[in-house]
């Protein structure tokens, strides 16, 4: 089943994703100077995901992000919501179909 363009009417927000390029001398992430804008739907739905070990990581919001092709969003990227708030990405899930990747479920921490 292909991505229905009628779903875009639900994606009323525009979010910015900045790719992490490395870190500075203090261990803080550094990001690309340019950002990519995506259409998204952001909902508040707290929950937990399992981390690399046995720990559980809490998230507060889910963003369904319209991204196509080779565009990738990772947990090391910087997510800026429409209000300008930078939220940590704690998980990313990709949902492909016969047409490829067309949206991602991004879990946003506190």
C-alpha atoms as a PDB file:
ATOM      1  CA  UNK A   1       0.000   0.000   0.000  1.00  0.00           C
ATOM      2  CA  UNK A   2       1.529   3.289  -1.092  1.00  0.00           C
ATOM      3  CA  UNK A   3       1.674   6.422   1.011  1.00  0.00           C
ATOM      4  CA  UNK A   4      -1.617   8.267   0.728  1.00  0.00           C
ATOM      5  CA  UNK A   5      -1.210  11.958   0.014  1.00  0.00           C
ATOM      6  CA  UNK A   6      -4.373  12.573   2.049  1.00  0.00           C
ATOM      7  CA  UNK A   7      -2.259  11.774   5.130  1.00  0.00           C
ATOM      8  CA  UNK A   8      -0.280  14.940   4.439  1.00  0.00           C
ATOM      9  CA  UNK A   9      -3.293  16.967   5.588  1.00  0.00           C
ATOM     10  CA  UNK A  10      -2.655  15.552   9.077  1.00  0.00           C
ATOM     11  CA  UNK A  11       0.986  16.639   8.983  1.00  0.00           C
ATOM     12  CA  UNK A  12       0.393  20.281   9.830  1.00  0.00           C
ATOM     13  CA  UNK A  13       3.751  21.081  11.423  1.00  0.00           C
ATOM     14  CA  UNK A  14       7.138  21.832   9.916  1.00  0.00           C
ATOM     15  CA  UNK A  15      10.142  20.520  11.838  1.00  0.00           C
ATOM     16  CA  UNK A  16      13.856  21.042  11.289  1.00  0.00           C
ATOM     17  CA  UNK A  17      16.461  18.287  11.413  1.00  0.00           C
ATOM     18  CA  UNK A  18      20.171  19.107  11.678  1.00  0.00           C
ATOM     19  CA  UNK A  19      22.699  16.350  11.048  1.00  0.00           C
ATOM     20  CA  UNK A  20      25.349  15.813  13.698  1.00  0.00           C
ATOM     21  CA  UNK A  21      28.848  16.325  12.283  1.00  0.00           C
ATOM     22  CA  UNK A  22      30.930  15.590  15.368  1.00  0.00           C
ATOM     23  CA  UNK A  23      31.627  17.026  18.805  1.00  0.00           C
ATOM     24  CA  UNK A  24      33.617  19.888  20.306  1.00  0.00           C
ATOM     25  CA  UNK A  25      36.337  19.774  22.973  1.00  0.00           C
ATOM     26  CA  UNK A  26      33.674  19.609  25.688  1.00  0.00           C
ATOM     27  CA  UNK A  27      31.947  16.568  24.195  1.00  0.00           C
ATOM     28  CA  UNK A  28      28.924  18.567  23.034  1.00  0.00           C
ATOM     29  CA  UNK A  29      27.513  17.706  19.635  1.00  0.00           C
ATOM     30  CA  UNK A  30      28.257  19.916  16.642  1.00  0.00           C
ATOM     31  CA  UNK A  31      25.770  20.057  13.802  1.00  0.00           C
ATOM     32  CA  UNK A  32      25.731  20.922  10.106  1.00  0.00           C
ATOM     33  CA  UNK A  33      25.161  24.579   9.326  1.00  0.00           C
ATOM     34  CA  UNK A  34      22.151  23.775   7.165  1.00  0.00           C
ATOM     35  CA  UNK A  35      18.954  22.167   8.348  1.00  0.00           C
ATOM     36  CA  UNK A  36      16.377  20.159   6.463  1.00  0.00           C
ATOM     37  CA  UNK A  37      12.696  20.948   6.891  1.00  0.00           C
ATOM     38  CA  UNK A  38      10.092  18.189   6.945  1.00  0.00           C
ATOM     39  CA  UNK A  39       6.334  18.047   7.270  1.00  0.00           C
ATOM     40  CA  UNK A  40       5.301  16.266  10.435  1.00  0.00           C
ATOM     41  CA  UNK A  41       2.565  15.483  12.893  1.00  0.00           C
ATOM     42  CA  UNK A  42       3.614  15.794  16.527  1.00  0.00           C
ATOM     43  CA  UNK A  43       1.513  14.232  19.269  1.00  0.00           C
ATOM     44  CA  UNK A  44       2.070  13.962  22.997  1.00  0.00           C
ATOM     45  CA  UNK A  45       2.080  10.290  23.912  1.00  0.00           C
ATOM     46  CA  UNK A  46       4.488   9.384  26.721  1.00  0.00           C
ATOM     47  CA  UNK A  47       6.008   5.943  26.745  1.00  0.00           C
ATOM     48  CA  UNK A  48       9.194   3.914  27.101  1.00  0.00           C
ATOM     49  CA  UNK A  49      11.539   2.154  24.705  1.00  0.00           C
ATOM     50  CA  UNK A  50      14.321  -0.293  25.460  1.00  0.00           C
ATOM     51  CA  UNK A  51      17.829   1.124  25.077  1.00  0.00           C
ATOM     52  CA  UNK A  52      20.972  -0.686  23.963  1.00  0.00           C
ATOM     53  CA  UNK A  53      21.272  -2.388  27.326  1.00  0.00           C
ATOM     54  CA  UNK A  54      18.503  -3.248  29.713  1.00  0.00           C
ATOM     55  CA  UNK A  55      17.571   0.341  30.561  1.00  0.00           C
ATOM     56  CA  UNK A  56      14.281   1.895  29.544  1.00  0.00           C
ATOM     57  CA  UNK A  57      14.316   5.324  27.945  1.00  0.00           C
ATOM     58  CA  UNK A  58      11.313   7.593  28.437  1.00  0.00           C
ATOM     59  CA  UNK A  59       9.862   9.626  25.586  1.00  0.00           C
ATOM     60  CA  UNK A  60       7.173  12.266  25.697  1.00  0.00           C
ATOM     61  CA  UNK A  61       6.211  13.044  22.090  1.00  0.00           C
ATOM     62  CA  UNK A  62       5.949  11.118  18.843  1.00  0.00           C
ATOM     63  CA  UNK A  63       6.599  12.891  15.556  1.00  0.00           C
ATOM     64  CA  UNK A  64       5.452  11.243  12.338  1.00  0.00           C
ATOM     65  CA  UNK A  65       7.861  12.796   9.840  1.00  0.00           C
ATOM     66  CA  UNK A  66       7.359  12.826   6.075  1.00  0.00           C
ATOM     67  CA  UNK A  67      10.766  11.887   4.667  1.00  0.00           C
ATOM     68  CA  UNK A  68      11.383  10.131   1.396  1.00  0.00           C
ATOM     69  CA  UNK A  69      14.150   8.265  -0.336  1.00  0.00           C
ATOM     70  CA  UNK A  70      17.626   8.247   1.142  1.00  0.00           C
ATOM     71  CA  UNK A  71      16.840  10.910   3.746  1.00  0.00           C
ATOM     72  CA  UNK A  72      17.734   9.542   7.131  1.00  0.00           C
ATOM     73  CA  UNK A  73      17.033  10.730  10.646  1.00  0.00           C
ATOM     74  CA  UNK A  74      19.089   9.273  13.479  1.00  0.00           C
ATOM     75  CA  UNK A  75      19.148   9.604  17.266  1.00  0.00           C
ATOM     76  CA  UNK A  76      22.289  11.742  17.024  1.00  0.00           C
ATOM     77  CA  UNK A  77      20.550  14.439  14.942  1.00  0.00           C
ATOM     78  CA  UNK A  78      19.051  17.628  16.350  1.00  0.00           C
ATOM     79  CA  UNK A  79      15.249  17.946  16.183  1.00  0.00           C
ATOM     80  CA  UNK A  80      13.712  21.430  16.375  1.00  0.00           C
ATOM     81  CA  UNK A  81       9.931  21.622  16.735  1.00  0.00           C
ATOM     82  CA  UNK A  82       7.766  24.387  15.188  1.00  0.00           C
ATOM     83  CA  UNK A  83       8.039  26.458  18.393  1.00  0.00           C
ATOM     84  CA  UNK A  84      11.841  26.480  18.161  1.00  0.00           C
ATOM     85  CA  UNK A  85      12.321  24.001  21.019  1.00  0.00           C
ATOM     86  CA  UNK A  86      15.153  21.502  20.513  1.00  0.00           C
ATOM     87  CA  UNK A  87      14.026  18.077  21.672  1.00  0.00           C
ATOM     88  CA  UNK A  88      16.273  15.017  22.067  1.00  0.00           C
ATOM     89  CA  UNK A  89      15.641  12.133  19.687  1.00  0.00           C
ATOM     90  CA  UNK A  90      15.572   8.870  21.654  1.00  0.00           C
ATOM     91  CA  UNK A  91      14.401   6.548  18.883  1.00  0.00           C
ATOM     92  CA  UNK A  92      13.609   6.379  15.175  1.00  0.00           C
ATOM     93  CA  UNK A  93      11.465   3.769  13.447  1.00  0.00           C
ATOM     94  CA  UNK A  94      11.213   3.436   9.657  1.00  0.00           C
ATOM     95  CA  UNK A  95       8.084   2.118   7.953  1.00  0.00           C
ATOM     96  CA  UNK A  96       8.799   1.115   4.337  1.00  0.00           C
ATOM     97  CA  UNK A  97       6.372  -0.313   1.813  1.00  0.00           C
ATOM     98  CA  UNK A  98       6.635  -1.364  -1.838  1.00  0.00           C
ATOM     99  CA  UNK A  99       7.412   2.257  -2.789  1.00  0.00           C
ATOM    100  CA  UNK A 100      10.281   2.545  -0.292  1.00  0.00           C
ATOM    101  CA  UNK A 101      10.647   4.688   2.822  1.00  0.00           C
ATOM    102  CA  UNK A 102       8.152   7.520   3.048  1.00  0.00           C
ATOM    103  CA  UNK A 103       7.812   8.393   6.737  1.00  0.00           C
ATOM    104  CA  UNK A 104       9.518   7.895  10.032  1.00  0.00           C
ATOM    105  CA  UNK A 105       8.281   7.653  13.610  1.00  0.00           C
ATOM    106  CA  UNK A 106      10.584   9.813  15.718  1.00  0.00           C
ATOM    107  CA  UNK A 107      10.399   9.396  19.502  1.00  0.00           C
ATOM    108  CA  UNK A 108      11.251  12.602  21.364  1.00  0.00           C
ATOM    109  CA  UNK A 109      12.548  12.663  24.910  1.00  0.00           C
ATOM    110  CA  UNK A 110      11.938  15.075  27.760  1.00  0.00           C
END
